[in-house]
């Protein structure tokens, strides 16, 4: 049975989500703030998390890192906020989807199933590729451990968001291949996710800061003007 953790201080909304998802065969738990959400991760062990953007003790965006330090469960953020800047910021921090309130419950259920299928697909791929991928990049050694989803550069572990890791995995698997922004959106997350050309650029910028000696003059993730990006090794 799929376990869904609902993190929302709006009791009416939380109860609606709880009743609907339980009726559809999910097992749910509800947390009304960040602290109780982190405690629930240890006892409930969710398969997916529905996280409200605004909580009484902290913003959902501020909670993402703490959640991802405890679990790899995908996060679907929900909010009354409709500004694209908030969506992009949330996606940049590592959420897997973003849904604006009010929303259709069936759409939420569909998005839950989509993120779970993606997780299952990644897990199956990891079983087929159990060994870490090691690349020698000039004076650097980069190691991608797909099972643990860990990046190591010259023996030092580097933290990546889920999207950054997927982008880096795709690039290193296909050196020299030019990917358009649309290609990256489809290959990394799929058409069901809220990713835009601009958010791809943001992820690339952040990834360059983590792996390049000179991010503004990148050696590895090259811009192909008018098209997209490619990986050089």
Protein backbone atom coordinates (compact mmCIF):
# COMPACT_ATOMS: atom_id res chain seq x y z
CA UNK A 1 0.00 0.00 0.00
CA UNK A 2 1.38 3.40 -1.02
CA UNK A 3 2.07 5.64 1.97
CA UNK A 4 1.47 9.39 1.56
CA UNK A 5 2.55 12.01 4.11
CA UNK A 6 0.38 15.16 3.95
CA UNK A 7 2.09 18.28 5.36
CA UNK A 8 -0.40 21.16 5.53
CA UNK A 9 -1.54 23.40 8.40
CA UNK A 10 -4.91 23.99 6.69
CA UNK A 11 -6.95 21.40 8.58
CA UNK A 12 -9.80 21.44 6.07
CA UNK A 13 -7.46 20.80 3.14
CA UNK A 14 -5.48 18.17 5.05
CA UNK A 15 -8.67 16.34 6.00
CA UNK A 16 -9.95 16.43 2.41
CA UNK A 17 -6.67 14.99 1.15
CA UNK A 18 -6.65 12.36 3.89
CA UNK A 19 -10.23 11.20 3.20
CA UNK A 20 -9.85 11.17 -0.58
CA UNK A 21 -6.54 9.33 -0.65
CA UNK A 22 -7.59 6.81 1.99
CA UNK A 23 -10.76 6.13 -0.03
CA UNK A 24 -8.56 5.53 -3.11
CA UNK A 25 -6.52 2.92 -1.26
CA UNK A 26 -3.56 4.93 0.01
CA UNK A 27 -2.27 4.94 3.58
CA UNK A 28 -1.90 8.51 4.84
CA UNK A 29 -0.50 10.45 7.75
CA UNK A 30 -0.95 14.18 8.38
CA UNK A 31 1.50 16.73 9.80
CA UNK A 32 0.57 20.37 10.40
CA UNK A 33 4.07 21.88 10.60
CA UNK A 34 7.69 21.24 9.74
CA UNK A 35 8.77 19.71 13.02
CA UNK A 36 5.95 17.17 13.08
CA UNK A 37 6.63 16.36 9.41
CA UNK A 38 10.26 15.49 10.16
CA UNK A 39 9.16 13.29 13.07
CA UNK A 40 6.63 11.54 10.83
CA UNK A 41 9.36 10.66 8.34
CA UNK A 42 10.96 8.41 10.94
CA UNK A 43 7.79 6.64 12.07
CA UNK A 44 5.59 6.64 8.95
CA UNK A 45 8.25 6.21 6.22
CA UNK A 46 6.21 7.67 3.32
CA UNK A 47 6.53 6.72 -0.34
CA UNK A 48 5.54 10.24 -1.41
CA UNK A 49 5.15 13.58 0.39
CA UNK A 50 2.56 16.30 -0.28
CA UNK A 51 4.07 19.50 1.10
CA UNK A 52 2.36 22.87 1.48
CA UNK A 53 4.53 25.87 0.57
CA UNK A 54 3.56 27.87 3.66
CA UNK A 55 3.68 26.29 7.11
CA UNK A 56 3.37 27.98 10.54
CA UNK A 57 6.95 27.30 11.64
CA UNK A 58 8.78 27.57 8.29
CA UNK A 59 8.25 27.70 4.55
CA UNK A 60 8.01 24.40 2.76
CA UNK A 61 11.01 25.45 0.64
CA UNK A 62 13.09 25.70 3.81
CA UNK A 63 12.03 22.18 4.79
CA UNK A 64 13.07 20.46 1.56
CA UNK A 65 16.74 19.94 2.48
CA UNK A 66 15.81 18.51 5.89
CA UNK A 67 13.34 16.12 4.26
CA UNK A 68 15.78 14.98 1.59
CA UNK A 69 18.42 14.29 4.25
CA UNK A 70 16.03 11.73 5.75
CA UNK A 71 14.25 10.21 2.74
CA UNK A 72 14.36 9.85 -1.04
CA UNK A 73 10.56 9.95 -1.24
CA UNK A 74 9.42 12.33 -4.02
CA UNK A 75 7.87 15.64 -2.96
CA UNK A 76 4.79 17.23 -4.53
CA UNK A 77 4.48 20.84 -3.37
CA UNK A 78 1.02 22.44 -3.15
CA UNK A 79 0.24 26.13 -2.66
CA UNK A 80 -2.17 28.99 -3.25
CA UNK A 81 0.87 30.83 -4.61
CA UNK A 82 0.77 31.08 -8.42
CA UNK A 83 3.93 33.10 -9.07
CA UNK A 84 6.27 31.28 -11.44
CA UNK A 85 9.22 32.46 -9.33
CA UNK A 86 7.98 30.41 -6.38
CA UNK A 87 7.51 27.35 -8.58
CA UNK A 88 10.97 27.69 -10.07
CA UNK A 89 12.50 28.19 -6.62
CA UNK A 90 10.77 25.07 -5.32
CA UNK A 91 11.88 23.00 -8.33
CA UNK A 92 15.39 24.37 -7.95
CA UNK A 93 15.40 23.17 -4.33
CA UNK A 94 14.49 19.65 -5.46
CA UNK A 95 10.72 19.12 -5.39
CA UNK A 96 9.40 16.70 -7.99
CA UNK A 97 6.17 18.50 -8.88
CA UNK A 98 4.21 21.65 -8.00
CA UNK A 99 0.42 21.95 -7.91
CA UNK A 100 -1.49 25.20 -7.33
CA UNK A 101 -4.55 25.28 -5.08
CA UNK A 102 -7.38 24.74 -5.71
CA UNK A 103 -6.77 21.56 -7.67
CA UNK A 104 -8.70 18.53 -8.78
CA UNK A 105 -8.15 15.53 -6.50
CA UNK A 106 -7.96 13.18 -9.47
CA UNK A 107 -5.19 15.32 -10.94
CA UNK A 108 -3.29 15.10 -7.66
CA UNK A 109 -3.71 11.32 -7.66
CA UNK A 110 -2.44 11.16 -11.24
CA UNK A 111 0.63 13.19 -10.32
CA UNK A 112 1.31 10.93 -7.33
CA UNK A 113 1.26 7.91 -9.63
CA UNK A 114 3.55 9.67 -12.12
CA UNK A 115 6.25 10.48 -9.54
CA UNK A 116 6.04 6.96 -8.14
CA UNK A 117 6.47 5.47 -11.63
CA UNK A 118 9.52 7.66 -12.17
CA UNK A 119 11.02 6.50 -8.86
CA UNK A 120 10.36 2.86 -9.78
CA UNK A 121 11.94 3.42 -13.19
CA UNK A 122 15.07 4.93 -11.62
CA UNK A 123 15.30 2.03 -9.16
CA UNK A 124 15.05 -0.50 -11.99
CA UNK A 125 17.73 1.37 -13.92
CA UNK A 126 19.97 1.35 -10.85
CA UNK A 127 19.64 -2.43 -10.63
CA UNK A 128 20.82 -2.68 -14.23
CA UNK A 129 23.74 -0.32 -13.50
CA UNK A 130 24.94 -1.34 -10.04
CA UNK A 131 28.48 -0.05 -10.47
CA UNK A 132 29.34 3.63 -9.95
CA UNK A 133 30.17 5.53 -13.11
CA UNK A 134 33.64 7.07 -12.95
CA UNK A 135 34.80 9.79 -15.32
CA UNK A 136 38.24 11.40 -15.46
CA UNK A 137 37.79 15.09 -16.24
CA UNK A 138 41.20 16.58 -16.97
CA UNK A 139 42.57 17.16 -13.46
CA UNK A 140 39.39 15.93 -11.73
CA UNK A 141 37.91 12.55 -11.00
CA UNK A 142 34.13 12.55 -10.84
CA UNK A 143 32.30 9.52 -9.49
CA UNK A 144 28.54 9.08 -9.80
CA UNK A 145 27.06 6.41 -7.58
CA UNK A 146 23.59 5.85 -9.02
CA UNK A 147 22.43 3.55 -6.25
CA UNK A 148 23.25 6.02 -3.49
CA UNK A 149 22.70 9.02 -5.78
CA UNK A 150 25.98 10.54 -4.64
CA UNK A 151 28.47 12.69 -6.56
CA UNK A 152 32.12 12.65 -5.49
CA UNK A 153 34.76 14.94 -6.99
CA UNK A 154 38.38 14.22 -6.06
CA UNK A 155 37.17 12.17 -3.03
CA UNK A 156 34.99 15.06 -1.79
CA UNK A 157 31.23 14.46 -1.73
CA UNK A 158 29.17 17.15 -3.47
CA UNK A 159 25.47 17.60 -2.71
CA UNK A 160 23.11 17.68 -5.69
CA UNK A 161 19.38 18.12 -6.02
CA UNK A 162 17.46 15.30 -7.68
CA UNK A 163 17.22 17.26 -10.93
CA UNK A 164 20.92 18.15 -10.92
CA UNK A 165 21.84 14.51 -10.43
CA UNK A 166 19.58 13.39 -13.28
CA UNK A 167 21.04 16.04 -15.58
CA UNK A 168 24.61 15.09 -14.73
CA UNK A 169 23.85 11.40 -15.22
CA UNK A 170 22.33 12.10 -18.63
CA UNK A 171 25.24 14.28 -19.72
CA UNK A 172 27.97 11.84 -18.63
CA UNK A 173 26.15 8.94 -20.30
CA UNK A 174 26.11 10.84 -23.60
CA UNK A 175 29.35 12.87 -23.94
CA UNK A 176 29.41 15.19 -26.92
CA UNK A 177 25.68 14.86 -27.59
CA UNK A 178 23.82 18.17 -27.83
CA UNK A 179 20.57 18.26 -25.84
CA UNK A 180 18.01 20.99 -26.39
CA UNK A 181 16.20 22.35 -23.34
CA UNK A 182 13.09 20.48 -24.46
CA UNK A 183 15.14 17.26 -24.68
CA UNK A 184 16.39 17.78 -21.12
CA UNK A 185 12.89 18.47 -19.80
CA UNK A 186 11.55 15.28 -21.38
CA UNK A 187 14.53 13.05 -20.53
CA UNK A 188 15.01 14.19 -16.94
CA UNK A 189 11.49 14.67 -15.64
CA UNK A 190 8.96 13.95 -18.35
CA UNK A 191 6.12 16.06 -19.73
CA UNK A 192 4.05 15.82 -16.55
CA UNK A 193 6.45 17.98 -14.52
CA UNK A 194 6.53 21.73 -14.25
CA UNK A 195 9.87 22.46 -15.87
CA UNK A 196 10.54 25.31 -18.25
CA UNK A 197 13.45 26.40 -20.42
CA UNK A 198 14.29 28.95 -17.76
CA UNK A 199 14.30 26.42 -14.91
CA UNK A 200 16.58 24.14 -16.94
CA UNK A 201 18.99 27.08 -17.31
CA UNK A 202 18.86 27.61 -13.54
CA UNK A 203 19.66 23.94 -12.86
CA UNK A 204 22.57 24.06 -15.34
CA UNK A 205 23.94 27.21 -13.70
CA UNK A 206 23.80 25.61 -10.26
CA UNK A 207 25.38 22.39 -11.54
CA UNK A 208 28.23 24.33 -13.12
CA UNK A 209 28.91 26.05 -9.80
CA UNK A 210 29.36 22.65 -8.19
CA UNK A 211 31.59 20.93 -10.76
CA UNK A 212 33.38 23.66 -12.71
CA UNK A 213 36.52 25.50 -11.61
CA UNK A 214 35.26 28.58 -13.45
CA UNK A 215 31.45 28.33 -13.80
CA UNK A 216 31.21 31.35 -16.11
CA UNK A 217 33.79 29.75 -18.43
CA UNK A 218 32.72 26.10 -18.20
CA UNK A 219 34.93 23.26 -19.41
CA UNK A 220 32.45 20.41 -19.04
CA UNK A 221 28.87 21.59 -19.56
CA UNK A 222 29.12 23.64 -22.72
CA UNK A 223 26.41 25.93 -24.07
CA UNK A 224 25.53 25.34 -27.72
CA UNK A 225 24.06 28.71 -28.60
CA UNK A 226 20.55 28.61 -29.96
CA UNK A 227 20.18 24.90 -29.21
CA UNK A 228 21.03 23.78 -25.68
CA UNK A 229 23.90 22.06 -23.86
CA UNK A 230 26.44 19.27 -24.26
CA UNK A 231 28.95 17.48 -22.04
CA UNK A 232 32.69 17.63 -22.83
CA UNK A 233 35.24 15.30 -21.28
